[in-house]
Amino acid sequence: NFAFTCDNPELALKTKQRTEISYSDIPGWHKNAESVWFFWTNCKG
């Protein structure tokens, strides 16, 4: 059950910014994982 929060602006991906995430840092990832679920929001609708 997700409780997504926008309380910390330091965690936002800034405009035109790129980031990379190692698969091993993705919650629930394992070597046989086939996909990930990705959610994004600007916290304003």
ModelCIF file with pLDDT and N, C-alpha, C, O atoms, coordinates in Angstrom:
data_MODEL
#
_entry.id   MODEL 
#
_entity.id                         1 
_entity.type                       polymer 
_entity.pdbx_number_of_molecules   1 
#
_entity_poly.entity_id                      1 
_entity_poly.type                           'polypeptide(L)' 
_entity_poly.nstd_linkage                   no 
_entity_poly.nstd_monomer                   no 
_entity_poly.pdbx_seq_one_letter_code       NFAFTCDNPELALKTKQRTEISYSDIPGWHKNAESVWFFWTNCKG 
_entity_poly.pdbx_seq_one_letter_code_can   NFAFTCDNPELALKTKQRTEISYSDIPGWHKNAESVWFFWTNCKG 
_entity_poly.pdbx_strand_id                 A 
#
loop_
_entity_poly_seq.entity_id 
_entity_poly_seq.num 
_entity_poly_seq.mon_id 
_entity_poly_seq.hetero 
1 1  ASN n 
1 2  PHE n 
1 3  ALA n 
1 4  PHE n 
1 5  THR n 
1 6  CYS n 
1 7  ASP n 
1 8  ASN n 
1 9  PRO n 
1 10 GLU n 
1 11 LEU n 
1 12 ALA n 
1 13 LEU n 
1 14 LYS n 
1 15 THR n 
1 16 LYS n 
1 17 GLN n 
1 18 ARG n 
1 19 THR n 
1 20 GLU n 
1 21 ILE n 
1 22 SER n 
1 23 TYR n 
1 24 SER n 
1 25 ASP n 
1 26 ILE n 
1 27 PRO n 
1 28 GLY n 
1 29 TRP n 
1 30 HIS n 
1 31 LYS n 
1 32 ASN n 
1 33 ALA n 
1 34 GLU n 
1 35 SER n 
1 36 VAL n 
1 37 TRP n 
1 38 PHE n 
1 39 PHE n 
1 40 TRP n 
1 41 THR n 
1 42 ASN n 
1 43 CYS n 
1 44 LYS n 
1 45 GLY n 
#
_struct_asym.id          A 
_struct_asym.entity_id   1 
#
loop_
_ma_qa_metric.id 
_ma_qa_metric.mode 
_ma_qa_metric.name 
_ma_qa_metric.software_group_id 
_ma_qa_metric.type 
1 global pLDDT . pLDDT 
2 local  pLDDT . pLDDT 
#
_ma_qa_metric_global.metric_id      1 
_ma_qa_metric_global.metric_value   91.38 
_ma_qa_metric_global.model_id       1 
_ma_qa_metric_global.ordinal_id     1 
#
loop_
_ma_qa_metric_local.label_asym_id 
_ma_qa_metric_local.label_comp_id 
_ma_qa_metric_local.label_seq_id 
_ma_qa_metric_local.metric_id 
_ma_qa_metric_local.metric_value 
_ma_qa_metric_local.model_id 
_ma_qa_metric_local.ordinal_id 
A ASN 1  2 83.00 1 1  
A PHE 2  2 77.00 1 2  
A ALA 3  2 76.00 1 3  
A PHE 4  2 76.00 1 4  
A THR 5  2 81.00 1 5  
A CYS 6  2 87.00 1 6  
A ASP 7  2 86.00 1 7  
A ASN 8  2 84.00 1 8  
A PRO 9  2 83.00 1 9  
A GLU 10 2 81.00 1 10 
A LEU 11 2 83.00 1 11 
A ALA 12 2 91.00 1 12 
A LEU 13 2 94.00 1 13 
A LYS 14 2 95.00 1 14 
A THR 15 2 93.00 1 15 
A LYS 16 2 94.00 1 16 
A GLN 17 2 96.00 1 17 
A ARG 18 2 97.00 1 18 
A THR 19 2 96.00 1 19 
A GLU 20 2 97.00 1 20 
A ILE 21 2 96.00 1 21 
A SER 22 2 97.00 1 22 
A TYR 23 2 97.00 1 23 
A SER 24 2 97.00 1 24 
A ASP 25 2 96.00 1 25 
A ILE 26 2 96.00 1 26 
A PRO 27 2 95.00 1 27 
A GLY 28 2 96.00 1 28 
A TRP 29 2 96.00 1 29 
A HIS 30 2 96.00 1 30 
A LYS 31 2 94.00 1 31 
A ASN 32 2 96.00 1 32 
A ALA 33 2 96.00 1 33 
A GLU 34 2 96.00 1 34 
A SER 35 2 97.00 1 35 
A VAL 36 2 97.00 1 36 
A TRP 37 2 95.00 1 37 
A PHE 38 2 95.00 1 38 
A PHE 39 2 93.00 1 39 
A TRP 40 2 93.00 1 40 
A THR 41 2 92.00 1 41 
A ASN 42 2 91.00 1 42 
A CYS 43 2 90.00 1 43 
A LYS 44 2 88.00 1 44 
A GLY 45 2 87.00 1 45 
#
loop_
_atom_site.group_PDB 
_atom_site.id 
_atom_site.type_symbol 
_atom_site.label_atom_id 
_atom_site.label_alt_id 
_atom_site.label_comp_id 
_atom_site.label_asym_id 
_atom_site.label_entity_id 
_atom_site.label_seq_id 
_atom_site.pdbx_PDB_ins_code 
_atom_site.Cartn_x 
_atom_site.Cartn_y 
_atom_site.Cartn_z 
_atom_site.occupancy 
_atom_site.B_iso_or_equiv 
_atom_site.pdbx_formal_charge 
_atom_site.auth_seq_id 
_atom_site.auth_comp_id 
_atom_site.auth_asym_id 
_atom_site.auth_atom_id 
_atom_site.pdbx_PDB_model_num 
ATOM 1   N N  . ASN A 1 1  ? 0.866  -1.182  0.000   1.00 83.00 ? 1  ASN A N  1 
ATOM 2   C CA . ASN A 1 1  ? 0.000  0.000   0.000   1.00 83.00 ? 1  ASN A CA 1 
ATOM 3   C C  . ASN A 1 1  ? 0.897  1.224   0.000   1.00 83.00 ? 1  ASN A C  1 
ATOM 4   O O  . ASN A 1 1  ? 1.723  1.391   0.898   1.00 83.00 ? 1  ASN A O  1 
ATOM 5   N N  . PHE A 1 2  ? 0.742  2.078   -0.998  1.00 77.00 ? 2  PHE A N  1 
ATOM 6   C CA . PHE A 1 2  ? 1.629  3.222   -1.150  1.00 77.00 ? 2  PHE A CA 1 
ATOM 7   C C  . PHE A 1 2  ? 1.109  4.431   -0.392  1.00 77.00 ? 2  PHE A C  1 
ATOM 8   O O  . PHE A 1 2  ? -0.094 4.693   -0.366  1.00 77.00 ? 2  PHE A O  1 
ATOM 9   N N  . ALA A 1 3  ? 2.018  5.160   0.220   1.00 76.00 ? 3  ALA A N  1 
ATOM 10  C CA . ALA A 1 3  ? 1.731  6.446   0.856   1.00 76.00 ? 3  ALA A CA 1 
ATOM 11  C C  . ALA A 1 3  ? 2.745  7.429   0.291   1.00 76.00 ? 3  ALA A C  1 
ATOM 12  O O  . ALA A 1 3  ? 3.740  7.756   0.938   1.00 76.00 ? 3  ALA A O  1 
ATOM 13  N N  . PHE A 1 4  ? 2.480  7.892   -0.920  1.00 76.00 ? 4  PHE A N  1 
ATOM 14  C CA . PHE A 1 4  ? 3.428  8.763   -1.614  1.00 76.00 ? 4  PHE A CA 1 
ATOM 15  C C  . PHE A 1 4  ? 3.352  10.171  -1.044  1.00 76.00 ? 4  PHE A C  1 
ATOM 16  O O  . PHE A 1 4  ? 2.262  10.687  -0.800  1.00 76.00 ? 4  PHE A O  1 
ATOM 17  N N  . THR A 1 5  ? 4.499  10.790  -0.833  1.00 81.00 ? 5  THR A N  1 
ATOM 18  C CA . THR A 1 5  ? 4.533  12.131  -0.260  1.00 81.00 ? 5  THR A CA 1 
ATOM 19  C C  . THR A 1 5  ? 5.423  13.047  -1.088  1.00 81.00 ? 5  THR A C  1 
ATOM 20  O O  . THR A 1 5  ? 6.388  12.605  -1.711  1.00 81.00 ? 5  THR A O  1 
ATOM 21  N N  . CYS A 1 6  ? 5.087  14.308  -1.084  1.00 87.00 ? 6  CYS A N  1 
ATOM 22  C CA . CYS A 1 6  ? 5.860  15.325  -1.802  1.00 87.00 ? 6  CYS A CA 1 
ATOM 23  C C  . CYS A 1 6  ? 6.452  16.328  -0.820  1.00 87.00 ? 6  CYS A C  1 
ATOM 24  O O  . CYS A 1 6  ? 6.660  17.491  -1.166  1.00 87.00 ? 6  CYS A O  1 
ATOM 25  N N  . ASP A 1 7  ? 6.722  15.886  0.390   1.00 86.00 ? 7  ASP A N  1 
ATOM 26  C CA . ASP A 1 7  ? 7.170  16.780  1.454   1.00 86.00 ? 7  ASP A CA 1 
ATOM 27  C C  . ASP A 1 7  ? 8.591  17.298  1.296   1.00 86.00 ? 7  ASP A C  1 
ATOM 28  O O  . ASP A 1 7  ? 8.928  18.348  1.843   1.00 86.00 ? 7  ASP A O  1 
ATOM 29  N N  . ASN A 1 8  ? 9.426  16.580  0.560   1.00 84.00 ? 8  ASN A N  1 
ATOM 30  C CA . ASN A 1 8  ? 10.835 16.959  0.481   1.00 84.00 ? 8  ASN A CA 1 
ATOM 31  C C  . ASN A 1 8  ? 11.208 17.357  -0.949  1.00 84.00 ? 8  ASN A C  1 
ATOM 32  O O  . ASN A 1 8  ? 11.441 16.485  -1.786  1.00 84.00 ? 8  ASN A O  1 
ATOM 33  N N  . PRO A 1 9  ? 11.269 18.655  -1.240  1.00 83.00 ? 9  PRO A N  1 
ATOM 34  C CA . PRO A 1 9  ? 11.602 19.085  -2.597  1.00 83.00 ? 9  PRO A CA 1 
ATOM 35  C C  . PRO A 1 9  ? 13.007 18.675  -3.045  1.00 83.00 ? 9  PRO A C  1 
ATOM 36  O O  . PRO A 1 9  ? 13.299 18.693  -4.240  1.00 83.00 ? 9  PRO A O  1 
ATOM 37  N N  . GLU A 1 10 ? 13.868 18.310  -2.113  1.00 81.00 ? 10 GLU A N  1 
ATOM 38  C CA . GLU A 1 10 ? 15.212 17.851  -2.476  1.00 81.00 ? 10 GLU A CA 1 
ATOM 39  C C  . GLU A 1 10 ? 15.166 16.526  -3.228  1.00 81.00 ? 10 GLU A C  1 
ATOM 40  O O  . GLU A 1 10 ? 16.112 16.185  -3.939  1.00 81.00 ? 10 GLU A O  1 
ATOM 41  N N  . LEU A 1 11 ? 14.072 15.774  -3.078  1.00 83.00 ? 11 LEU A N  1 
ATOM 42  C CA . LEU A 1 11 ? 13.947 14.483  -3.734  1.00 83.00 ? 11 LEU A CA 1 
ATOM 43  C C  . LEU A 1 11 ? 13.348 14.583  -5.136  1.00 83.00 ? 11 LEU A C  1 
ATOM 44  O O  . LEU A 1 11 ? 13.261 13.575  -5.837  1.00 83.00 ? 11 LEU A O  1 
ATOM 45  N N  . ALA A 1 12 ? 12.943 15.753  -5.548  1.00 91.00 ? 12 ALA A N  1 
ATOM 46  C CA . ALA A 1 12 ? 12.333 15.922  -6.868  1.00 91.00 ? 12 ALA A CA 1 
ATOM 47  C C  . ALA A 1 12 ? 13.385 15.807  -7.964  1.00 91.00 ? 12 ALA A C  1 
ATOM 48  O O  . ALA A 1 12 ? 14.531 16.224  -7.797  1.00 91.00 ? 12 ALA A O  1 
ATOM 49  N N  . LEU A 1 13 ? 12.968 15.235  -9.081  1.00 94.00 ? 13 LEU A N  1 
ATOM 50  C CA . LEU A 1 13 ? 13.818 15.211  -10.265 1.00 94.00 ? 13 LEU A CA 1 
ATOM 51  C C  . LEU A 1 13 ? 13.601 16.549  -10.964 1.00 94.00 ? 13 LEU A C  1 
ATOM 52  O O  . LEU A 1 13 ? 12.525 16.821  -11.495 1.00 94.00 ? 13 LEU A O  1 
ATOM 53  N N  . LYS A 1 14 ? 14.627 17.363  -10.955 1.00 95.00 ? 14 LYS A N  1 
ATOM 54  C CA . LYS A 1 14 ? 14.526 18.736  -11.469 1.00 95.00 ? 14 LYS A CA 1 
ATOM 55  C C  . LYS A 1 14 ? 14.271 18.737  -12.972 1.00 95.00 ? 14 LYS A C  1 
ATOM 56  O O  . LYS A 1 14 ? 14.521 17.751  -13.666 1.00 95.00 ? 14 LYS A O  1 
ATOM 57  N N  . THR A 1 15 ? 13.772 19.855  -13.447 1.00 93.00 ? 15 THR A N  1 
ATOM 58  C CA . THR A 1 15 ? 13.483 19.998  -14.865 1.00 93.00 ? 15 THR A CA 1 
ATOM 59  C C  . THR A 1 15 ? 14.731 19.738  -15.705 1.00 93.00 ? 15 THR A C  1 
ATOM 60  O O  . THR A 1 15 ? 15.819 20.226  -15.401 1.00 93.00 ? 15 THR A O  1 
ATOM 61  N N  . LYS A 1 16 ? 14.546 18.962  -16.761 1.00 94.00 ? 16 LYS A N  1 
ATOM 62  C CA . LYS A 1 16 ? 15.602 18.587  -17.718 1.00 94.00 ? 16 LYS A CA 1 
ATOM 63  C C  . LYS A 1 16 ? 16.716 17.734  -17.110 1.00 94.00 ? 16 LYS A C  1 
ATOM 64  O O  . LYS A 1 16 ? 17.753 17.533  -17.742 1.00 94.00 ? 16 LYS A O  1 
ATOM 65  N N  . GLN A 1 17 ? 16.512 17.230  -15.889 1.00 96.00 ? 17 GLN A N  1 
ATOM 66  C CA . GLN A 1 17 ? 17.529 16.422  -15.213 1.00 96.00 ? 17 GLN A CA 1 
ATOM 67  C C  . GLN A 1 17 ? 17.335 14.940  -15.537 1.00 96.00 ? 17 GLN A C  1 
ATOM 68  O O  . GLN A 1 17 ? 16.222 14.487  -15.805 1.00 96.00 ? 17 GLN A O  1 
ATOM 69  N N  . ARG A 1 18 ? 18.440 14.197  -15.508 1.00 97.00 ? 18 ARG A N  1 
ATOM 70  C CA . ARG A 1 18 ? 18.434 12.746  -15.738 1.00 97.00 ? 18 ARG A CA 1 
ATOM 71  C C  . ARG A 1 18 ? 19.058 12.076  -14.521 1.00 97.00 ? 18 ARG A C  1 
ATOM 72  O O  . ARG A 1 18 ? 19.999 12.599  -13.923 1.00 97.00 ? 18 ARG A O  1 
ATOM 73  N N  . THR A 1 19 ? 18.524 10.914  -14.163 1.00 96.00 ? 19 THR A N  1 
ATOM 74  C CA . THR A 1 19 ? 19.098 10.147  -13.072 1.00 96.00 ? 19 THR A CA 1 
ATOM 75  C C  . THR A 1 19 ? 19.152 8.685   -13.475 1.00 96.00 ? 19 THR A C  1 
ATOM 76  O O  . THR A 1 19 ? 18.393 8.244   -14.338 1.00 96.00 ? 19 THR A O  1 
ATOM 77  N N  . GLU A 1 20 ? 20.039 7.940   -12.859 1.00 97.00 ? 20 GLU A N  1 
ATOM 78  C CA . GLU A 1 20 ? 20.169 6.518   -13.132 1.00 97.00 ? 20 GLU A CA 1 
ATOM 79  C C  . GLU A 1 20 ? 20.024 5.747   -11.836 1.00 97.00 ? 20 GLU A C  1 
ATOM 80  O O  . GLU A 1 20 ? 20.551 6.140   -10.795 1.00 97.00 ? 20 GLU A O  1 
ATOM 81  N N  . ILE A 1 21 ? 19.291 4.630   -11.919 1.00 96.00 ? 21 ILE A N  1 
ATOM 82  C CA . ILE A 1 21 ? 19.031 3.799   -10.754 1.00 96.00 ? 21 ILE A CA 1 
ATOM 83  C C  . ILE A 1 21 ? 19.513 2.386   -11.068 1.00 96.00 ? 21 ILE A C  1 
ATOM 84  O O  . ILE A 1 21 ? 19.101 1.788   -12.062 1.00 96.00 ? 21 ILE A O  1 
ATOM 85  N N  . SER A 1 22 ? 20.376 1.865   -10.226 1.00 97.00 ? 22 SER A N  1 
ATOM 86  C CA . SER A 1 22 ? 20.809 0.483   -10.380 1.00 97.00 ? 22 SER A CA 1 
ATOM 87  C C  . SER A 1 22 ? 19.629 -0.431  -10.078 1.00 97.00 ? 22 SER A C  1 
ATOM 88  O O  . SER A 1 22 ? 18.879 -0.190  -9.132  1.00 97.00 ? 22 SER A O  1 
ATOM 89  N N  . TYR A 1 23 ? 19.464 -1.471  -10.872 1.00 97.00 ? 23 TYR A N  1 
ATOM 90  C CA . TYR A 1 23 ? 18.363 -2.410  -10.619 1.00 97.00 ? 23 TYR A CA 1 
ATOM 91  C C  . TYR A 1 23 ? 18.368 -2.881  -9.173  1.00 97.00 ? 23 TYR A C  1 
ATOM 92  O O  . TYR A 1 23 ? 17.309 -3.017  -8.560  1.00 97.00 ? 23 TYR A O  1 
ATOM 93  N N  . SER A 1 24 ? 19.534 -3.128  -8.634  1.00 97.00 ? 24 SER A N  1 
ATOM 94  C CA . SER A 1 24 ? 19.625 -3.648  -7.267  1.00 97.00 ? 24 SER A CA 1 
ATOM 95  C C  . SER A 1 24 ? 19.120 -2.650  -6.224  1.00 97.00 ? 24 SER A C  1 
ATOM 96  O O  . SER A 1 24 ? 18.851 -3.038  -5.087  1.00 97.00 ? 24 SER A O  1 
ATOM 97  N N  . ASP A 1 25 ? 18.986 -1.375  -6.590  1.00 96.00 ? 25 ASP A N  1 
ATOM 98  C CA . ASP A 1 25 ? 18.465 -0.363  -5.669  1.00 96.00 ? 25 ASP A CA 1 
ATOM 99  C C  . ASP A 1 25 ? 16.948 -0.191  -5.778  1.00 96.00 ? 25 ASP A C  1 
ATOM 100 O O  . ASP A 1 25 ? 16.365 0.603   -5.040  1.00 96.00 ? 25 ASP A O  1 
ATOM 101 N N  . ILE A 1 26 ? 16.311 -0.916  -6.677  1.00 96.00 ? 26 ILE A N  1 
ATOM 102 C CA . ILE A 1 26 ? 14.862 -0.837  -6.851  1.00 96.00 ? 26 ILE A CA 1 
ATOM 103 C C  . ILE A 1 26 ? 14.205 -1.757  -5.828  1.00 96.00 ? 26 ILE A C  1 
ATOM 104 O O  . ILE A 1 26 ? 14.524 -2.945  -5.782  1.00 96.00 ? 26 ILE A O  1 
ATOM 105 N N  . PRO A 1 27 ? 13.286 -1.231  -5.000  1.00 95.00 ? 27 PRO A N  1 
ATOM 106 C CA . PRO A 1 27 ? 12.629 -2.077  -3.993  1.00 95.00 ? 27 PRO A CA 1 
ATOM 107 C C  . PRO A 1 27 ? 11.977 -3.311  -4.626  1.00 95.00 ? 27 PRO A C  1 
ATOM 108 O O  . PRO A 1 27 ? 11.236 -3.204  -5.604  1.00 95.00 ? 27 PRO A O  1 
ATOM 109 N N  . GLY A 1 28 ? 12.263 -4.473  -4.055  1.00 96.00 ? 28 GLY A N  1 
ATOM 110 C CA . GLY A 1 28 ? 11.681 -5.722  -4.521  1.00 96.00 ? 28 GLY A CA 1 
ATOM 111 C C  . GLY A 1 28 ? 12.403 -6.372  -5.688  1.00 96.00 ? 28 GLY A C  1 
ATOM 112 O O  . GLY A 1 28 ? 12.052 -7.481  -6.093  1.00 96.00 ? 28 GLY A O  1 
ATOM 113 N N  . TRP A 1 29 ? 13.414 -5.692  -6.239  1.00 96.00 ? 29 TRP A N  1 
ATOM 114 C CA . TRP A 1 29 ? 14.102 -6.253  -7.406  1.00 96.00 ? 29 TRP A CA 1 
ATOM 115 C C  . TRP A 1 29 ? 14.820 -7.540  -7.028  1.00 96.00 ? 29 TRP A C  1 
ATOM 116 O O  . TRP A 1 29 ? 15.370 -7.662  -5.934  1.00 96.00 ? 29 TRP A O  1 
ATOM 117 N N  . HIS A 1 30 ? 14.807 -8.495  -7.947  1.00 96.00 ? 30 HIS A N  1 
ATOM 118 C CA . HIS A 1 30 ? 15.569 -9.735  -7.814  1.00 96.00 ? 30 HIS A CA 1 
ATOM 119 C C  . HIS A 1 30 ? 16.036 -10.127 -9.209  1.00 96.00 ? 30 HIS A C  1 
ATOM 120 O O  . HIS A 1 30 ? 15.538 -9.584  -10.194 1.00 96.00 ? 30 HIS A O  1 
ATOM 121 N N  . LYS A 1 31 ? 16.975 -11.052 -9.316  1.00 94.00 ? 31 LYS A N  1 
ATOM 122 C CA . LYS A 1 31 ? 17.610 -11.346 -10.608 1.00 94.00 ? 31 LYS A CA 1 
ATOM 123 C C  . LYS A 1 31 ? 16.641 -11.883 -11.658 1.00 94.00 ? 31 LYS A C  1 
ATOM 124 O O  . LYS A 1 31 ? 16.933 -11.817 -12.852 1.00 94.00 ? 31 LYS A O  1 
ATOM 125 N N  . ASN A 1 32 ? 15.502 -12.408 -11.238 1.00 96.00 ? 32 ASN A N  1 
ATOM 126 C CA . ASN A 1 32 ? 14.512 -12.919 -12.189 1.00 96.00 ? 32 ASN A CA 1 
ATOM 127 C C  . ASN A 1 32 ? 13.380 -11.918 -12.454 1.00 96.00 ? 32 ASN A C  1 
ATOM 128 O O  . ASN A 1 32 ? 12.409 -12.253 -13.132 1.00 96.00 ? 32 ASN A O  1 
ATOM 129 N N  . ALA A 1 33 ? 13.497 -10.702 -11.929 1.00 96.00 ? 33 ALA A N  1 
ATOM 130 C CA . ALA A 1 33 ? 12.447 -9.691  -12.122 1.00 96.00 ? 33 ALA A CA 1 
ATOM 131 C C  . ALA A 1 33 ? 12.306 -9.374  -13.611 1.00 96.00 ? 33 ALA A C  1 
ATOM 132 O O  . ALA A 1 33 ? 13.303 -9.186  -14.309 1.00 96.00 ? 33 ALA A O  1 
ATOM 133 N N  . GLU A 1 34 ? 11.074 -9.317  -14.086 1.00 96.00 ? 34 GLU A N  1 
ATOM 134 C CA . GLU A 1 34 ? 10.815 -9.052  -15.498 1.00 96.00 ? 34 GLU A CA 1 
ATOM 135 C C  . GLU A 1 34 ? 10.462 -7.596  -15.779 1.00 96.00 ? 34 GLU A C  1 
ATOM 136 O O  . GLU A 1 34 ? 10.664 -7.103  -16.889 1.00 96.00 ? 34 GLU A O  1 
ATOM 137 N N  . SER A 1 35 ? 9.930  -6.909  -14.760 1.00 97.00 ? 35 SER A N  1 
ATOM 138 C CA . SER A 1 35 ? 9.502  -5.523  -14.982 1.00 97.00 ? 35 SER A CA 1 
ATOM 139 C C  . SER A 1 35 ? 9.443  -4.771  -13.661 1.00 97.00 ? 35 SER A C  1 
ATOM 140 O O  . SER A 1 35 ? 9.495  -5.359  -12.580 1.00 97.00 ? 35 SER A O  1 
ATOM 141 N N  . VAL A 1 36 ? 9.335  -3.455  -13.782 1.00 97.00 ? 36 VAL A N  1 
ATOM 142 C CA . VAL A 1 36 ? 9.133  -2.586  -12.619 1.00 97.00 ? 36 VAL A CA 1 
ATOM 143 C C  . VAL A 1 36 ? 7.937  -1.698  -12.902 1.00 97.00 ? 36 VAL A C  1 
ATOM 144 O O  . VAL A 1 36 ? 7.595  -1.437  -14.056 1.00 97.00 ? 36 VAL A O  1 
ATOM 145 N N  . TRP A 1 37 ? 7.303  -1.237  -11.825 1.00 95.00 ? 37 TRP A N  1 
ATOM 146 C CA . TRP A 1 37 ? 6.203  -0.287  -11.940 1.00 95.00 ? 37 TRP A CA 1 
ATOM 147 C C  . TRP A 1 37 ? 6.776  1.086   -11.611 1.00 95.00 ? 37 TRP A C  1 
ATOM 148 O O  . TRP A 1 37 ? 7.442  1.264   -10.591 1.00 95.00 ? 37 TRP A O  1 
ATOM 149 N N  . PHE A 1 38 ? 6.511  2.049   -12.481 1.00 95.00 ? 38 PHE A N  1 
ATOM 150 C CA . PHE A 1 38 ? 7.057  3.393   -12.369 1.00 95.00 ? 38 PHE A CA 1 
ATOM 151 C C  . PHE A 1 38 ? 5.904  4.387   -12.230 1.00 95.00 ? 38 PHE A C  1 
ATOM 152 O O  . PHE A 1 38 ? 4.982  4.390   -13.046 1.00 95.00 ? 38 PHE A O  1 
ATOM 153 N N  . PHE A 1 39 ? 5.957  5.232   -11.192 1.00 93.00 ? 39 PHE A N  1 
ATOM 154 C CA . PHE A 1 39 ? 4.941  6.250   -10.939 1.00 93.00 ? 39 PHE A CA 1 
ATOM 155 C C  . PHE A 1 39 ? 5.628  7.601   -10.842 1.00 93.00 ? 39 PHE A C  1 
ATOM 156 O O  . PHE A 1 39 ? 6.700  7.712   -10.247 1.00 93.00 ? 39 PHE A O  1 
ATOM 157 N N  . TRP A 1 40 ? 5.009  8.647   -11.429 1.00 93.00 ? 40 TRP A N  1 
ATOM 158 C CA . TRP A 1 40 ? 5.553  10.001  -11.314 1.00 93.00 ? 40 TRP A CA 1 
ATOM 159 C C  . TRP A 1 40 ? 4.413  10.976  -11.039 1.00 93.00 ? 40 TRP A C  1 
ATOM 160 O O  . TRP A 1 40 ? 3.258  10.714  -11.375 1.00 93.00 ? 40 TRP A O  1 
ATOM 161 N N  . THR A 1 41 ? 4.757  12.100  -10.424 1.00 92.00 ? 41 THR A N  1 
ATOM 162 C CA . THR A 1 41 ? 3.789  13.166  -10.170 1.00 92.00 ? 41 THR A CA 1 
ATOM 163 C C  . THR A 1 41 ? 4.524  14.492  -10.013 1.00 92.00 ? 41 THR A C  1 
ATOM 164 O O  . THR A 1 41 ? 5.696  14.524  -9.638  1.00 92.00 ? 41 THR A O  1 
ATOM 165 N N  . ASN A 1 42 ? 3.829  15.575  -10.302 1.00 91.00 ? 42 ASN A N  1 
ATOM 166 C CA . ASN A 1 42 ? 4.389  16.894  -10.001 1.00 91.00 ? 42 ASN A CA 1 
ATOM 167 C C  . ASN A 1 42 ? 3.784  17.427  -8.707  1.00 91.00 ? 42 ASN A C  1 
ATOM 168 O O  . ASN A 1 42 ? 4.071  18.554  -8.305  1.00 91.00 ? 42 ASN A O  1 
ATOM 169 N N  . CYS A 1 43 ? 2.954  16.627  -8.058  1.00 90.00 ? 43 CYS A N  1 
ATOM 170 C CA . CYS A 1 43 ? 2.302  16.958  -6.774  1.00 90.00 ? 43 CYS A CA 1 
ATOM 171 C C  . CYS A 1 43 ? 1.320  18.113  -6.908  1.00 90.00 ? 43 CYS A C  1 
ATOM 172 O O  . CYS A 1 43 ? 0.928  18.713  -5.907  1.00 90.00 ? 43 CYS A O  1 
ATOM 173 N N  . LYS A 1 44 ? 0.924  18.428  -8.129  1.00 88.00 ? 44 LYS A N  1 
ATOM 174 C CA . LYS A 1 44 ? -0.039 19.509  -8.354  1.00 88.00 ? 44 LYS A CA 1 
ATOM 175 C C  . LYS A 1 44 ? -1.109 19.075  -9.354  1.00 88.00 ? 44 LYS A C  1 
ATOM 176 O O  . LYS A 1 44 ? -1.729 19.911  -10.012 1.00 88.00 ? 44 LYS A O  1 
ATOM 177 N N  . GLY A 1 45 ? -1.319 17.770  -9.462  1.00 87.00 ? 45 GLY A N  1 
ATOM 178 C CA . GLY A 1 45 ? -2.379 17.273  -10.326 1.00 87.00 ? 45 GLY A CA 1 
ATOM 179 C C  . GLY A 1 45 ? -1.934 16.433  -11.497 1.00 87.00 ? 45 GLY A C  1 
ATOM 180 O O  . GLY A 1 45 ? -2.766 15.973  -12.279 1.00 87.00 ? 45 GLY A O  1 
#
